[in-house]
Amino acid sequence: MAEILDSFRPSTAGWLKGSLAGWGTLLLCLIGVGFLIILAKWLENVSSTFEITADRLVIRRGIFSKSIDEIEFYRVKDIRLDFSLISEWANIGTITLVSSDETTRRAPLVIPNVENAITRRENLRTLIDHARRRRGVREIDMVQEDLG
């Protein structure tokens, strides 16, 4: 098994302090409804773990029924980081990966509420670059030109 370089879960606390939805939920706690929302968000976050090795991202999901999926870094085509002004202050972001892997065939892999998202994205970019060089993978963009 490859050495795990980083392991993280989406952050419920980060979601609370880094998004308008989180702040709204905290306000709803005053009337009691917000606690149910926080519990649902916490269960969603605790059921997902993302492990980074030198060659791949391992995604573990589930509490009662578990699944393990992997994305090979040499297959990653794009990595994006999104955050709002509030989430940037809280150092929380959403990392989105687009790859040619089966895991992202239908839609990109979106990892919300990532603490230290800027640093983690840069580390992922470095690992992706190294994995592509080791495999000798190059991407060629094919653009259809209008001949007419």
Protein backbone atom coordinates (compact mmCIF):
# COMPACT_ATOMS: atom_id res chain seq x y z
CA MET A 1 0.00 0.00 0.00
CA ALA A 2 1.29 3.45 -0.89
CA GLU A 3 2.25 5.88 1.86
CA ILE A 4 -0.55 8.31 2.69
CA LEU A 5 0.74 11.88 2.34
CA ASP A 6 -2.45 13.64 3.45
CA SER A 7 -5.84 12.58 4.72
CA PHE A 8 -8.81 14.86 5.30
CA ARG A 9 -12.56 15.09 5.54
CA PRO A 10 -14.82 17.94 4.56
CA SER A 11 -15.07 20.24 7.58
CA THR A 12 -18.43 20.82 9.25
CA ALA A 13 -16.94 23.59 11.41
CA GLY A 14 -15.43 25.13 8.29
CA TRP A 15 -18.80 24.97 6.55
CA LEU A 16 -20.44 26.72 9.50
CA LYS A 17 -17.95 29.58 9.67
CA GLY A 18 -17.08 29.75 5.97
CA SER A 19 -20.44 29.96 4.22
CA LEU A 20 -23.61 31.99 4.35
CA ALA A 21 -25.56 28.73 4.69
CA GLY A 22 -23.46 27.89 7.74
CA TRP A 23 -24.08 31.29 9.35
CA GLY A 24 -27.79 30.98 8.57
CA THR A 25 -27.83 27.55 10.19
CA LEU A 26 -26.18 28.97 13.30
CA LEU A 27 -28.95 31.57 13.47
CA LEU A 28 -31.53 28.79 13.12
CA CYS A 29 -29.95 27.09 16.13
CA LEU A 30 -31.51 29.82 18.21
CA ILE A 31 -34.91 28.32 17.41
CA GLY A 32 -33.71 24.71 17.49
CA VAL A 33 -34.02 23.75 13.81
CA GLY A 34 -30.38 24.44 13.00
CA PHE A 35 -29.11 21.55 15.11
CA LEU A 36 -30.79 19.06 12.77
CA ILE A 37 -29.15 20.74 9.77
CA ILE A 38 -25.74 20.65 11.48
CA LEU A 39 -26.24 16.96 12.36
CA ALA A 40 -27.10 16.11 8.74
CA LYS A 41 -24.08 18.06 7.45
CA TRP A 42 -21.82 16.42 10.04
CA LEU A 43 -22.98 12.91 9.02
CA GLU A 44 -22.37 13.78 5.36
CA ASN A 45 -18.85 15.02 6.15
CA VAL A 46 -17.85 12.26 8.56
CA SER A 47 -18.85 9.61 6.04
CA SER A 48 -16.26 10.82 3.49
CA THR A 49 -12.48 10.59 3.80
CA PHE A 50 -10.00 11.66 1.14
CA GLU A 51 -6.49 10.18 1.27
CA ILE A 52 -3.68 11.48 -0.92
CA THR A 53 -0.76 9.27 -1.89
CA ALA A 54 2.02 10.04 -4.36
CA ASP A 55 0.03 8.47 -7.24
CA ARG A 56 -3.66 8.74 -6.43
CA LEU A 57 -6.54 10.20 -4.49
CA VAL A 58 -8.40 7.52 -2.52
CA ILE A 59 -12.03 8.32 -1.70
CA ARG A 60 -13.68 6.40 1.14
CA ARG A 61 -17.40 6.97 1.58
CA GLY A 62 -20.16 5.58 3.73
CA ILE A 63 -20.98 4.66 7.28
CA PHE A 64 -23.05 1.48 7.02
CA SER A 65 -22.41 0.70 3.38
CA LYS A 66 -18.87 1.69 2.43
CA SER A 67 -17.24 2.32 -0.93
CA ILE A 68 -13.62 2.97 -1.88
CA ASP A 69 -12.73 4.66 -5.14
CA GLU A 70 -9.46 5.96 -6.54
CA ILE A 71 -8.45 8.58 -9.05
CA GLU A 72 -5.02 8.12 -10.58
CA PHE A 73 -3.26 11.50 -10.65
CA TYR A 74 -1.90 11.05 -14.17
CA ARG A 75 -5.53 11.05 -15.41
CA VAL A 76 -6.44 14.41 -13.85
CA LYS A 77 -7.07 17.03 -16.51
CA ASP A 78 -8.03 20.02 -14.37
CA ILE A 79 -8.11 21.05 -10.73
CA ARG A 80 -10.11 24.05 -9.60
CA LEU A 81 -10.53 25.85 -6.29
CA ASP A 82 -13.67 27.85 -5.51
CA PHE A 83 -14.40 29.92 -2.44
CA SER A 84 -16.52 32.86 -1.40
CA LEU A 85 -15.18 35.89 0.41
CA ILE A 86 -16.33 34.45 3.75
CA SER A 87 -14.88 31.00 3.07
CA GLU A 88 -11.58 32.54 1.97
CA TRP A 89 -11.35 34.29 5.35
CA ALA A 90 -12.04 30.94 7.03
CA ASN A 91 -9.45 29.20 4.80
CA ILE A 92 -12.14 26.82 3.51
CA GLY A 93 -12.66 26.00 -0.16
CA THR A 94 -14.20 23.60 -2.64
CA ILE A 95 -11.76 21.58 -4.74
CA THR A 96 -13.05 20.23 -8.06
CA LEU A 97 -11.19 17.59 -10.07
CA VAL A 98 -11.89 16.77 -13.71
CA SER A 99 -10.24 13.62 -15.01
CA SER A 100 -10.50 10.87 -17.58
CA ASP A 101 -11.01 8.38 -14.74
CA GLU A 102 -14.26 6.40 -14.52
CA THR A 103 -14.97 8.08 -11.19
CA THR A 104 -15.45 11.43 -12.91
CA ARG A 105 -16.96 10.22 -16.18
CA ARG A 106 -20.42 11.67 -15.50
CA ALA A 107 -19.42 14.72 -13.46
CA PRO A 108 -16.34 16.24 -11.87
CA LEU A 109 -15.36 15.17 -8.36
CA VAL A 110 -16.33 18.00 -6.02
CA ILE A 111 -14.80 18.06 -2.55
CA PRO A 112 -16.58 20.76 -0.52
CA ASN A 113 -15.54 22.44 2.72
CA VAL A 114 -11.83 21.59 2.53
CA GLU A 115 -9.71 23.18 5.24
CA ASN A 116 -6.40 24.66 4.05
CA ALA A 117 -7.79 24.36 0.52
CA ILE A 118 -5.22 26.62 -1.16
CA THR A 119 -2.30 24.60 0.22
CA ARG A 120 -3.99 21.27 -0.54
CA ARG A 121 -4.73 22.34 -4.13
CA GLU A 122 -1.10 23.33 -4.70
CA ASN A 123 0.09 20.02 -3.21
CA LEU A 124 -2.32 18.16 -5.51
CA ARG A 125 -1.08 20.12 -8.54
CA THR A 126 2.51 19.15 -7.72
CA LEU A 127 1.61 15.48 -7.24
CA ILE A 128 -0.41 15.47 -10.49
CA ASP A 129 2.51 16.99 -12.40
CA HIS A 130 4.95 14.42 -10.97
CA ALA A 131 2.59 11.51 -11.74
CA ARG A 132 2.13 12.67 -15.34
CA ARG A 133 5.90 13.01 -15.84
CA ARG A 134 6.58 9.55 -14.36
CA ARG A 135 4.01 8.00 -16.73
CA GLY A 136 5.06 10.12 -19.70
CA VAL A 137 1.50 11.39 -20.08
CA ARG A 138 0.89 14.42 -22.24
CA GLU A 139 -2.43 15.92 -23.07
CA ILE A 140 -3.25 17.15 -26.54
CA ASP A 141 -6.21 19.46 -26.98
CA MET A 142 -8.03 18.81 -30.23
CA VAL A 143 -9.91 21.83 -31.55
CA GLN A 144 -12.11 21.44 -34.59
CA GLU A 145 -11.53 24.36 -36.92
CA ASP A 146 -14.24 25.80 -39.09
CA LEU A 147 -13.03 25.24 -42.66
CA GLY A 148 -15.74 27.06 -44.23
